[in-house]
Amino acid sequence: MRLQVIIPLIILLIFSFLIFIFPFEIISSWLGHPTSVQETVLSTAFVYLVCLYYFRSKSSNKFIKLFVYEGMGIGTLSLFIVFFILLISLVLNISDIQKIFIFLMIFFPSIIYGFLNAKKVTVKQLKFSHSKIKNNLSFIFLSDIHIGSNNPKILKRIVPLINQQNPRFVLIGGDLIDSSSFKIDDLDELKKINAPIYFVTGNHEYYIADSQKHLDNFKNQNIRILDNQCILEGQINIIGISDNQKKDEKINKFEKLFNPDYYNLLLVHQPSIWSSLKDKANLTLSGHTHNGQIFPFNFIVKLQFPQIYGVYSYLKNYLYVSSGAATWGPKIRIGSKNEILNIELFNNS
């Protein structure tokens, strides 16, 4: 078995233990009920097999999805709180009952806040200028809505916010759909957007059953896919790069679509190629990272994606990495927020 197959399986096994088992074993020990090695092995194996089945089979079973996704949220939050308490106990002499009390005092307010915060969507205003922009215009950028694992009703909150901004066009930076429970009719609300919609794929578009069939049907939902293609909007050369290719392939596709006579706007799901293109792409828009979604997970995500969230610049060119318009997996946001971007481009001469 090749390393590229083995490594993800090992990561999933470690993940299953750390998120679903470890924090609750520690809590159980504080309650005076330490678990045996056999119980640890069996419980970890069970969670591992459930997660493996869900992610590999592209299952749409609601109970399994609820167990995996919400278990991830509860487990991640519990893991960080348990680690925090264990660190405190290294310098302070606190009893097990006090540890339980501290855990409950942090966990329940955090989970309630995270759940409520995950329901909100804010509109963030950004402005970028360049001499190649002859006529001022504004457009909407959003990413990572994850319809399928998220209820399509979320679009009823997002679409009115988009129309209120009266954009010239709308850019969607990948992970619009997710989970094999997705149906193309789930995107019907997007037909109410009063502007052209341009879309590039993210990694999650390729994880669901019949993904290409769904993508082919996007044209019926007022969505144009830029599959390693570009399109002109005024003086804007919008370059869309698909996610299902290696980094070098993405860079080569951009080079072929780059036009020095226009303002080049790169739409690509992951921000990892910006450092290679920052001298040519006037504005790069990405998502994928969710800004870590649950603090302090953002520190871990930042190890893989140094440009994790916000505006980054090189000379007169910019990258913006969005935290996404919705959550992935658990319906919890702590230390991050759902957002859509209203971006204005104007002439600076």
Protein backbone atom coordinates (compact mmCIF):
# COMPACT_ATOMS: atom_id res chain seq x y z
CA MET A 1 0.00 0.00 0.00
CA ARG A 2 1.48 3.34 -1.04
CA LEU A 3 2.28 6.12 1.42
CA GLN A 4 -0.32 8.45 -0.12
CA VAL A 5 -2.95 5.88 0.90
CA ILE A 6 -1.49 4.92 4.28
CA ILE A 7 -0.85 8.44 5.61
CA PRO A 8 -4.49 9.65 5.39
CA LEU A 9 -5.62 6.45 7.16
CA ILE A 10 -3.13 7.04 9.97
CA ILE A 11 -4.21 10.69 10.26
CA LEU A 12 -7.87 9.63 10.46
CA LEU A 13 -7.01 7.10 13.20
CA ILE A 14 -5.19 9.74 15.26
CA PHE A 15 -8.01 12.19 14.61
CA SER A 16 -10.61 9.64 15.76
CA PHE A 17 -8.80 9.12 19.04
CA LEU A 18 -7.91 12.73 19.82
CA ILE A 19 -11.28 14.27 18.94
CA PHE A 20 -13.82 11.58 19.82
CA ILE A 21 -12.15 9.54 22.59
CA PHE A 22 -9.28 11.23 24.44
CA PRO A 23 -11.04 14.24 26.01
CA PHE A 24 -13.92 12.11 27.28
CA GLU A 25 -11.56 9.51 28.73
CA ILE A 26 -9.84 12.28 30.67
CA ILE A 27 -13.19 13.60 31.90
CA SER A 28 -14.22 10.06 32.84
CA SER A 29 -11.02 9.69 34.89
CA TRP A 30 -11.83 12.95 36.70
CA LEU A 31 -15.21 11.45 37.56
CA GLY A 32 -13.45 8.42 39.05
CA HIS A 33 -14.07 6.03 36.15
CA PRO A 34 -10.77 5.53 34.29
CA THR A 35 -11.07 3.53 31.07
CA SER A 36 -9.11 0.41 30.28
CA VAL A 37 -6.78 -0.06 27.30
CA GLN A 38 -9.29 -2.48 25.78
CA GLU A 39 -12.09 0.10 26.05
CA THR A 40 -9.86 2.72 24.43
CA VAL A 41 -8.92 0.45 21.54
CA LEU A 42 -12.50 -0.68 20.89
CA SER A 43 -14.03 2.80 21.10
CA THR A 44 -11.33 4.30 18.86
CA ALA A 45 -11.76 1.49 16.34
CA PHE A 46 -15.53 2.04 16.27
CA VAL A 47 -15.24 5.79 15.66
CA TYR A 48 -12.48 5.24 13.09
CA LEU A 49 -14.58 2.77 11.09
CA VAL A 50 -17.66 5.03 11.18
CA CYS A 51 -15.63 8.04 9.98
CA LEU A 52 -13.85 5.96 7.35
CA TYR A 53 -17.16 4.64 6.06
CA TYR A 54 -18.72 8.10 5.94
CA PHE A 55 -15.86 9.79 4.10
CA ARG A 56 -15.03 6.91 1.73
CA SER A 57 -18.54 5.71 0.86
CA LYS A 58 -19.92 9.23 0.25
CA SER A 59 -22.81 8.19 2.49
CA SER A 60 -25.81 10.50 2.84
CA ASN A 61 -27.08 8.82 6.03
CA LYS A 62 -28.27 11.63 8.30
CA PHE A 63 -27.47 9.84 11.57
CA ILE A 64 -23.91 9.03 10.54
CA LYS A 65 -23.41 12.60 9.28
CA LEU A 66 -24.75 13.99 12.57
CA PHE A 67 -22.43 11.71 14.56
CA VAL A 68 -19.35 12.60 12.51
CA TYR A 69 -19.86 16.33 12.05
CA GLU A 70 -21.36 17.35 15.39
CA GLY A 71 -19.10 14.88 17.18
CA MET A 72 -16.17 16.70 15.58
CA GLY A 73 -17.41 20.01 16.95
CA ILE A 74 -18.09 18.80 20.47
CA GLY A 75 -14.92 16.73 20.53
CA THR A 76 -12.66 19.50 19.20
CA LEU A 77 -13.96 22.01 21.71
CA SER A 78 -13.69 19.46 24.53
CA LEU A 79 -10.13 18.56 23.50
CA PHE A 80 -8.93 22.17 23.68
CA ILE A 81 -10.65 22.77 27.03
CA VAL A 82 -9.23 19.55 28.50
CA PHE A 83 -5.72 20.49 27.32
CA PHE A 84 -6.16 23.92 28.88
CA ILE A 85 -7.20 22.39 32.23
CA LEU A 86 -4.32 19.89 32.12
CA LEU A 87 -1.88 22.77 31.59
CA ILE A 88 -3.39 24.66 34.53
CA SER A 89 -3.08 21.57 36.73
CA LEU A 90 0.67 21.51 36.08
CA VAL A 91 1.11 24.77 38.00
CA LEU A 92 -1.94 24.78 40.28
CA ASN A 93 -3.09 22.09 42.67
CA ILE A 94 -6.75 21.64 41.66
CA SER A 95 -8.97 18.70 42.48
CA ASP A 96 -10.76 16.55 39.91
CA ILE A 97 -14.10 18.06 40.95
CA GLN A 98 -12.68 21.52 40.28
CA LYS A 99 -11.47 20.35 36.87
CA ILE A 100 -14.96 19.14 35.99
CA PHE A 101 -16.42 22.45 37.16
CA ILE A 102 -13.94 24.45 35.04
CA PHE A 103 -14.71 22.25 32.03
CA LEU A 104 -18.48 22.78 32.33
CA MET A 105 -18.11 26.53 32.93
CA ILE A 106 -16.14 26.89 29.67
CA PHE A 107 -17.82 24.22 27.52
CA PHE A 108 -21.51 25.16 27.71
CA PRO A 109 -21.15 28.94 27.15
CA SER A 110 -18.67 28.23 24.33
CA ILE A 111 -20.90 25.69 22.56
CA ILE A 112 -23.93 28.00 22.81
CA TYR A 113 -21.96 30.99 21.55
CA GLY A 114 -20.40 28.92 18.75
CA PHE A 115 -23.78 27.62 17.61
CA LEU A 116 -25.39 31.09 17.57
CA ASN A 117 -22.36 32.69 15.91
CA ALA A 118 -22.45 30.05 13.15
CA LYS A 119 -25.96 31.20 12.17
CA LYS A 120 -24.88 34.78 11.44
CA VAL A 121 -23.64 36.04 8.06
CA THR A 122 -22.01 39.46 7.81
CA VAL A 123 -21.19 41.61 4.78
CA LYS A 124 -17.60 42.89 4.77
CA GLN A 125 -16.66 45.88 2.62
CA LEU A 126 -13.29 45.99 0.81
CA LYS A 127 -11.77 48.45 -1.65
CA PHE A 128 -8.86 47.93 -4.05
CA SER A 129 -7.49 50.43 -6.55
CA HIS A 130 -5.42 50.12 -9.72
CA SER A 131 -4.60 52.22 -12.76
CA LYS A 132 -6.04 49.52 -15.04
CA ILE A 133 -9.52 50.06 -13.56
CA LYS A 134 -11.14 52.66 -15.81
CA ASN A 135 -14.67 52.53 -14.44
CA ASN A 136 -15.41 51.87 -10.80
CA LEU A 137 -17.40 48.73 -10.08
CA SER A 138 -18.36 46.51 -7.17
CA PHE A 139 -18.94 42.78 -6.96
CA ILE A 140 -19.59 40.05 -4.41
CA PHE A 141 -17.17 37.30 -3.43
CA LEU A 142 -18.12 34.36 -1.21
CA SER A 143 -16.99 30.81 -0.72
CA ASP A 144 -17.43 27.63 1.32
CA ILE A 145 -21.21 27.44 1.72
CA HIS A 146 -21.23 23.62 1.76
CA ILE A 147 -24.82 23.05 0.67
CA GLY A 148 -25.62 19.41 1.37
CA SER A 149 -23.87 19.16 4.69
CA ASN A 150 -25.52 22.54 5.38
CA ASN A 151 -29.25 23.07 4.91
CA PRO A 152 -30.12 24.90 1.64
CA LYS A 153 -32.17 27.33 3.75
CA ILE A 154 -28.93 29.15 4.50
CA LEU A 155 -29.18 30.60 0.98
CA LYS A 156 -32.35 32.43 2.03
CA ARG A 157 -30.15 34.51 4.35
CA ILE A 158 -27.28 34.93 1.90
CA VAL A 159 -29.09 35.80 -1.36
CA PRO A 160 -30.95 38.90 0.00
CA LEU A 161 -27.65 40.20 1.41
CA ILE A 162 -26.06 39.82 -2.03
CA ASN A 163 -28.89 41.60 -3.85
CA GLN A 164 -28.82 44.47 -1.35
CA GLN A 165 -25.27 45.27 -2.53
CA ASN A 166 -26.36 45.56 -6.19
CA PRO A 167 -23.19 43.87 -7.51
CA ARG A 168 -21.95 43.90 -11.11
CA PHE A 169 -21.30 40.15 -10.76
CA VAL A 170 -20.90 37.45 -8.09
CA LEU A 171 -17.86 35.20 -7.62
CA ILE A 172 -18.13 31.91 -5.70
CA GLY A 173 -14.77 30.48 -4.73
CA GLY A 174 -15.51 26.79 -4.34
CA ASP A 175 -17.08 24.35 -1.86
CA LEU A 176 -20.56 25.52 -2.78
CA ILE A 177 -21.81 21.94 -2.55
CA ASP A 178 -20.90 19.13 -0.19
CA SER A 179 -22.28 15.73 0.87
CA SER A 180 -24.02 13.15 -1.29
CA SER A 181 -27.36 14.26 0.13
CA PHE A 182 -27.06 17.31 -2.15
CA LYS A 183 -29.65 17.78 -4.89
CA ILE A 184 -29.32 20.34 -7.69
CA ASP A 185 -32.66 21.88 -6.66
CA ASP A 186 -30.98 22.90 -3.42
CA LEU A 187 -29.44 25.80 -5.37
CA ASP A 188 -32.74 27.18 -6.69
CA GLU A 189 -32.47 30.21 -4.40
CA LEU A 190 -29.41 31.38 -6.36
CA LYS A 191 -31.66 32.07 -9.35
CA LYS A 192 -32.89 35.12 -7.43
CA ILE A 193 -29.48 36.80 -7.61
CA ASN A 194 -29.71 39.80 -9.93
CA ALA A 195 -26.23 39.45 -11.43
CA PRO A 196 -24.08 36.94 -13.34
CA ILE A 197 -22.54 34.25 -11.12
CA TYR A 198 -19.07 32.85 -11.82
CA PHE A 199 -17.87 29.80 -9.94
CA VAL A 200 -14.73 27.70 -9.48
CA THR A 201 -14.66 24.30 -7.84
CA GLY A 202 -13.23 23.56 -4.43
CA ASN A 203 -12.09 20.23 -3.03
CA HIS A 204 -15.53 19.29 -1.67
CA GLU A 205 -17.21 19.41 -5.07
CA TYR A 206 -15.29 16.25 -5.93
CA TYR A 207 -16.10 14.35 -2.73
CA ILE A 208 -19.78 13.75 -3.48
CA ALA A 209 -21.45 11.07 -5.59
CA ASP A 210 -22.20 12.06 -9.21
CA SER A 211 -20.20 15.26 -8.74
CA GLN A 212 -19.69 15.87 -12.46
CA LYS A 213 -23.41 15.41 -13.12
CA HIS A 214 -24.18 18.10 -10.51
CA LEU A 215 -21.55 20.44 -11.94
CA ASP A 216 -22.97 19.98 -15.44
CA ASN A 217 -26.37 21.08 -14.08
CA PHE A 218 -25.00 24.31 -12.59
CA LYS A 219 -25.83 26.10 -15.86
CA ASN A 220 -29.50 25.60 -15.02
CA GLN A 221 -29.00 27.46 -11.74
CA ASN A 222 -27.71 30.78 -13.09
CA ILE A 223 -24.10 29.67 -12.47
CA ARG A 224 -21.24 29.72 -14.97
CA ILE A 225 -18.30 27.49 -14.06
CA LEU A 226 -14.86 28.85 -14.92
CA ASP A 227 -13.01 25.57 -15.40
CA ASN A 228 -9.49 26.86 -16.08
CA GLN A 229 -11.10 29.61 -18.12
CA CYS A 230 -11.26 33.38 -18.12
CA ILE A 231 -13.98 35.89 -18.87
CA LEU A 232 -13.92 39.66 -19.31
CA GLU A 233 -16.09 41.93 -17.19
CA GLY A 234 -15.24 45.46 -18.31
CA GLN A 235 -11.50 45.89 -17.69
CA ILE A 236 -11.46 42.82 -15.40
CA ASN A 237 -9.95 39.58 -16.68
CA ILE A 238 -11.51 37.02 -14.31
CA ILE A 239 -9.40 33.85 -14.28
CA GLY A 240 -11.02 30.79 -12.73
CA ILE A 241 -8.79 27.85 -11.74
CA SER A 242 -10.36 24.50 -10.78
CA ASP A 243 -9.25 22.79 -7.59
CA ASN A 244 -8.84 19.20 -8.83
CA GLN A 245 -5.27 19.59 -10.08
CA LYS A 246 -1.75 19.87 -8.74
CA LYS A 247 -0.20 23.17 -7.74
CA ASP A 248 2.08 23.35 -10.79
CA GLU A 249 -0.87 22.69 -13.10
CA LYS A 250 -2.82 25.55 -11.51
CA ILE A 251 0.11 27.91 -11.99
CA ASN A 252 0.54 26.89 -15.63
CA LYS A 253 -3.17 27.38 -16.33
CA PHE A 254 -3.03 30.86 -14.82
CA GLU A 255 0.01 31.80 -16.92
CA LYS A 256 -1.86 30.86 -20.10
CA LEU A 257 -4.94 32.89 -19.13
CA PHE A 258 -3.07 35.93 -17.80
CA ASN A 259 -3.53 39.08 -19.90
CA PRO A 260 -1.21 42.04 -19.15
CA ASP A 261 -3.58 44.47 -20.87
CA TYR A 262 -6.30 43.95 -18.24
CA TYR A 263 -6.73 43.88 -14.48
CA ASN A 264 -6.26 40.19 -13.68
CA LEU A 265 -8.52 38.79 -10.97
CA LEU A 266 -7.67 35.22 -9.98
CA LEU A 267 -10.43 33.11 -8.46
CA VAL A 268 -9.00 29.92 -6.93
CA HIS A 269 -10.29 27.92 -3.97
CA GLN A 270 -7.05 27.39 -2.04
CA PRO A 271 -4.64 30.30 -1.43
CA SER A 272 -1.53 28.12 -1.77
CA ILE A 273 -0.51 29.33 -5.27
CA TRP A 274 -0.59 33.05 -4.48
CA SER A 275 3.08 33.23 -3.52
CA SER A 276 3.98 31.97 -7.02
CA LEU A 277 1.67 34.40 -8.85
CA LYS A 278 1.61 37.50 -6.66
CA ASP A 279 3.68 39.53 -9.13
CA LYS A 280 1.07 39.01 -11.89
CA ALA A 281 -2.34 38.45 -10.26
CA ASN A 282 -3.66 41.90 -9.34
CA LEU A 283 -6.25 40.44 -6.99
CA THR A 284 -6.51 36.82 -5.86
CA LEU A 285 -9.63 35.61 -4.06
CA SER A 286 -9.64 32.34 -2.13
CA GLY A 287 -11.38 30.52 0.70
CA HIS A 288 -10.94 26.94 1.97
CA THR A 289 -9.37 27.70 5.37
CA HIS A 290 -12.56 28.86 7.21
CA ASN A 291 -10.02 30.82 9.33
CA GLY A 292 -9.73 27.67 11.43
CA GLN A 293 -13.47 27.87 12.28
CA ILE A 294 -12.99 26.86 15.93
CA PHE A 295 -10.32 28.65 18.00
CA PRO A 296 -7.51 27.73 18.55
CA PHE A 297 -7.65 25.37 15.53
CA ASN A 298 -6.65 28.35 13.38
CA PHE A 299 -3.07 28.01 14.65
CA ILE A 300 -2.97 24.47 13.26
CA VAL A 301 -4.51 25.47 9.90
CA LYS A 302 -1.99 28.31 9.62
CA LEU A 303 0.85 25.77 9.56
CA GLN A 304 -0.42 24.53 6.18
CA PHE A 305 -1.84 27.84 4.91
CA PRO A 306 0.27 30.80 6.15
CA GLN A 307 -2.22 33.11 4.41
CA ILE A 308 -5.14 31.86 6.49
CA TYR A 309 -7.48 34.86 6.54
CA GLY A 310 -7.77 38.46 5.45
CA VAL A 311 -5.80 40.75 3.13
CA TYR A 312 -2.20 40.08 2.06
CA SER A 313 -0.26 42.32 -0.30
CA TYR A 314 2.74 42.33 -2.59
CA LEU A 315 3.60 45.66 -4.23
CA LYS A 316 0.23 46.75 -5.67
CA ASN A 317 -1.27 43.25 -5.86
CA TYR A 318 -3.47 41.64 -3.23
CA LEU A 319 -4.76 38.35 -1.90
CA TYR A 320 -7.93 38.03 0.14
CA VAL A 321 -8.65 34.75 1.94
CA SER A 322 -12.24 34.48 3.16
CA SER A 323 -13.36 32.64 6.27
CA GLY A 324 -16.32 31.37 4.22
CA ALA A 325 -20.01 32.10 4.15
CA ALA A 326 -20.88 29.03 6.24
CA THR A 327 -19.31 26.32 8.37
CA TRP A 328 -17.98 22.93 7.36
CA GLY A 329 -18.80 19.93 9.52
CA PRO A 330 -19.93 21.09 12.98
CA LYS A 331 -22.32 24.04 13.04
CA ILE A 332 -20.00 25.92 15.39
CA ARG A 333 -17.86 29.03 14.94
CA ILE A 334 -15.61 30.33 17.70
CA GLY A 335 -13.01 32.99 16.91
CA SER A 336 -14.17 33.25 13.29
CA LYS A 337 -17.28 34.34 11.43
CA ASN A 338 -19.34 33.69 8.31
CA GLU A 339 -18.90 36.43 5.73
CA ILE A 340 -19.58 37.57 2.21
CA LEU A 341 -17.41 40.26 0.65
CA ASN A 342 -18.61 43.35 -1.17
CA ILE A 343 -15.50 44.39 -3.10
CA GLU A 344 -15.15 47.74 -4.87
CA LEU A 345 -12.52 48.25 -7.56
CA PHE A 346 -11.65 51.83 -8.49
CA ASN A 347 -9.11 53.84 -10.44
CA ASN A 348 -6.21 55.31 -8.44
CA SER A 349 -4.72 57.61 -11.07
